Amino acid sequence: MPLSAACRAWNSHIAELIDQHRTAHELDADQLSEIIRLFDEARSACSALRFDEGLAIYEAIPIGPVASRPFVRSASAAP
């Protein structure tokens, strides 16, 4: 995979994780701010064709899957 494609894939993945964490309210404002700062820094590095730098920043962003999932009652579980 070309490094530019890897940057795009990381960008999409991290952007989705950020959206999920915003929805789940699992990060405080300071944590979210730092993650977004790093995300913007990685995106800028990739845009400037500094792919190795951008990928290293993406990989260091301290975010993972959302721990809690909202409860959604299925139609079959309704009383």
C-alpha atoms as a PDB file:
ATOM      1  CA  MET A   1       0.000   0.000   0.000  1.00  0.00           C
ATOM      2  CA  PRO A   2       1.455   3.393  -0.912  1.00  0.00           C
ATOM      3  CA  LEU A   3       2.145   5.649   2.058  1.00  0.00           C
ATOM      4  CA  SER A   4      -0.388   8.209   0.802  1.00  0.00           C
ATOM      5  CA  ALA A   5      -3.103   5.519   0.898  1.00  0.00           C
ATOM      6  CA  ALA A   6      -2.002   4.515   4.399  1.00  0.00           C
ATOM      7  CA  CYS A   7      -2.371   8.144   5.492  1.00  0.00           C
ATOM      8  CA  ARG A   8      -5.892   8.257   4.049  1.00  0.00           C
ATOM      9  CA  ALA A   9      -6.819   5.003   5.784  1.00  0.00           C
ATOM     10  CA  TRP A  10      -5.506   6.208   9.163  1.00  0.00           C
ATOM     11  CA  ASN A  11      -7.281   9.540   8.689  1.00  0.00           C
ATOM     12  CA  SER A  12     -10.591   7.810   8.076  1.00  0.00           C
ATOM     13  CA  HIS A  13     -10.095   5.382  10.978  1.00  0.00           C
ATOM     14  CA  ILE A  14      -9.117   8.016  13.538  1.00  0.00           C
ATOM     15  CA  ALA A  15     -11.867  10.398  12.382  1.00  0.00           C
ATOM     16  CA  GLU A  16     -14.425   7.634  12.931  1.00  0.00           C
ATOM     17  CA  LEU A  17     -13.042   6.849  16.397  1.00  0.00           C
ATOM     18  CA  ILE A  18     -13.188  10.538  17.337  1.00  0.00           C
ATOM     19  CA  ASP A  19     -16.840  10.712  16.236  1.00  0.00           C
ATOM     20  CA  GLN A  20     -17.682   7.565  18.196  1.00  0.00           C
ATOM     21  CA  HIS A  21     -16.025   8.888  21.357  1.00  0.00           C
ATOM     22  CA  ARG A  22     -17.804  12.227  20.998  1.00  0.00           C
ATOM     23  CA  THR A  23     -21.131  10.409  20.793  1.00  0.00           C
ATOM     24  CA  ALA A  24     -20.313   8.136  23.736  1.00  0.00           C
ATOM     25  CA  HIS A  25     -18.956  11.031  25.862  1.00  0.00           C
ATOM     26  CA  GLU A  26     -16.065   8.830  27.016  1.00  0.00           C
ATOM     27  CA  LEU A  27     -13.369  11.498  26.753  1.00  0.00           C
ATOM     28  CA  ASP A  28     -13.181  14.742  28.665  1.00  0.00           C
ATOM     29  CA  ALA A  29     -12.646  18.035  26.829  1.00  0.00           C
ATOM     30  CA  ASP A  30      -8.877  18.085  27.468  1.00  0.00           C
ATOM     31  CA  GLN A  31      -8.380  14.532  26.179  1.00  0.00           C
ATOM     32  CA  LEU A  32     -10.489  15.193  23.104  1.00  0.00           C
ATOM     33  CA  SER A  33      -8.662  18.451  22.421  1.00  0.00           C
ATOM     34  CA  GLU A  34      -5.257  16.725  22.538  1.00  0.00           C
ATOM     35  CA  ILE A  35      -6.431  13.906  20.274  1.00  0.00           C
ATOM     36  CA  ILE A  36      -7.815  16.396  17.753  1.00  0.00           C
ATOM     37  CA  ARG A  37      -4.565  18.396  17.888  1.00  0.00           C
ATOM     38  CA  LEU A  38      -2.547  15.269  17.086  1.00  0.00           C
ATOM     39  CA  PHE A  39      -5.040  14.264  14.392  1.00  0.00           C
ATOM     40  CA  ASP A  40      -4.670  17.672  12.721  1.00  0.00           C
ATOM     41  CA  GLU A  41      -0.869  17.455  13.013  1.00  0.00           C
ATOM     42  CA  ALA A  42      -0.838  14.015  11.360  1.00  0.00           C
ATOM     43  CA  ARG A  43      -3.186  15.140   8.609  1.00  0.00           C
ATOM     44  CA  SER A  44      -1.016  18.201   7.946  1.00  0.00           C
ATOM     45  CA  ALA A  45       2.146  16.093   7.742  1.00  0.00           C
ATOM     46  CA  CYS A  46       0.528  13.726   5.255  1.00  0.00           C
ATOM     47  CA  SER A  47      -0.788  16.650   3.198  1.00  0.00           C
ATOM     48  CA  ALA A  48       2.757  18.026   3.049  1.00  0.00           C
ATOM     49  CA  LEU A  49       3.938  14.628   1.702  1.00  0.00           C
ATOM     50  CA  ARG A  50       5.738  13.833   4.975  1.00  0.00           C
ATOM     51  CA  PHE A  51       4.046  10.429   5.070  1.00  0.00           C
ATOM     52  CA  ASP A  52       6.397   8.708   7.523  1.00  0.00           C
ATOM     53  CA  GLU A  53       5.949  11.546  10.012  1.00  0.00           C
ATOM     54  CA  GLY A  54       2.171  11.628   9.549  1.00  0.00           C
ATOM     55  CA  LEU A  55       1.824   7.871   9.968  1.00  0.00           C
ATOM     56  CA  ALA A  56       3.960   7.915  13.120  1.00  0.00           C
ATOM     57  CA  ILE A  57       1.710  10.607  14.600  1.00  0.00           C
ATOM     58  CA  TYR A  58      -1.477   8.725  13.656  1.00  0.00           C
ATOM     59  CA  GLU A  59      -0.106   5.570  15.303  1.00  0.00           C
ATOM     60  CA  ALA A  60       0.713   7.492  18.499  1.00  0.00           C
ATOM     61  CA  ILE A  61      -2.754   9.031  18.918  1.00  0.00           C
ATOM     62  CA  PRO A  62      -4.058   7.681  22.253  1.00  0.00           C
ATOM     63  CA  ILE A  63      -7.506   6.557  21.136  1.00  0.00           C
ATOM     64  CA  GLY A  64      -9.059   3.151  20.728  1.00  0.00           C
ATOM     65  CA  PRO A  65     -12.488   1.624  20.355  1.00  0.00           C
ATOM     66  CA  VAL A  66     -15.337   3.025  22.399  1.00  0.00           C
ATOM     67  CA  ALA A  67     -15.651   1.060  25.652  1.00  0.00           C
ATOM     68  CA  SER A  68     -19.394   1.428  26.106  1.00  0.00           C
ATOM     69  CA  ARG A  69     -22.027   0.894  23.502  1.00  0.00           C
ATOM     70  CA  PRO A  70     -25.416   2.533  23.859  1.00  0.00           C
ATOM     71  CA  PHE A  71     -28.141   0.034  24.662  1.00  0.00           C
ATOM     72  CA  VAL A  72     -30.527  -0.393  21.783  1.00  0.00           C
ATOM     73  CA  ARG A  73     -33.558  -2.514  22.395  1.00  0.00           C
ATOM     74  CA  SER A  74     -34.346  -4.703  19.427  1.00  0.00           C
ATOM     75  CA  ALA A  75     -37.901  -5.016  18.178  1.00  0.00           C
ATOM     76  CA  SER A  76     -37.924  -8.708  19.106  1.00  0.00           C
ATOM     77  CA  ALA A  77     -37.035  -7.870  22.732  1.00  0.00           C
ATOM     78  CA  ALA A  78     -39.990  -5.535  23.183  1.00  0.00           C
ATOM     79  CA  PRO A  79     -42.611  -6.770  25.712  1.00  0.00           C
END
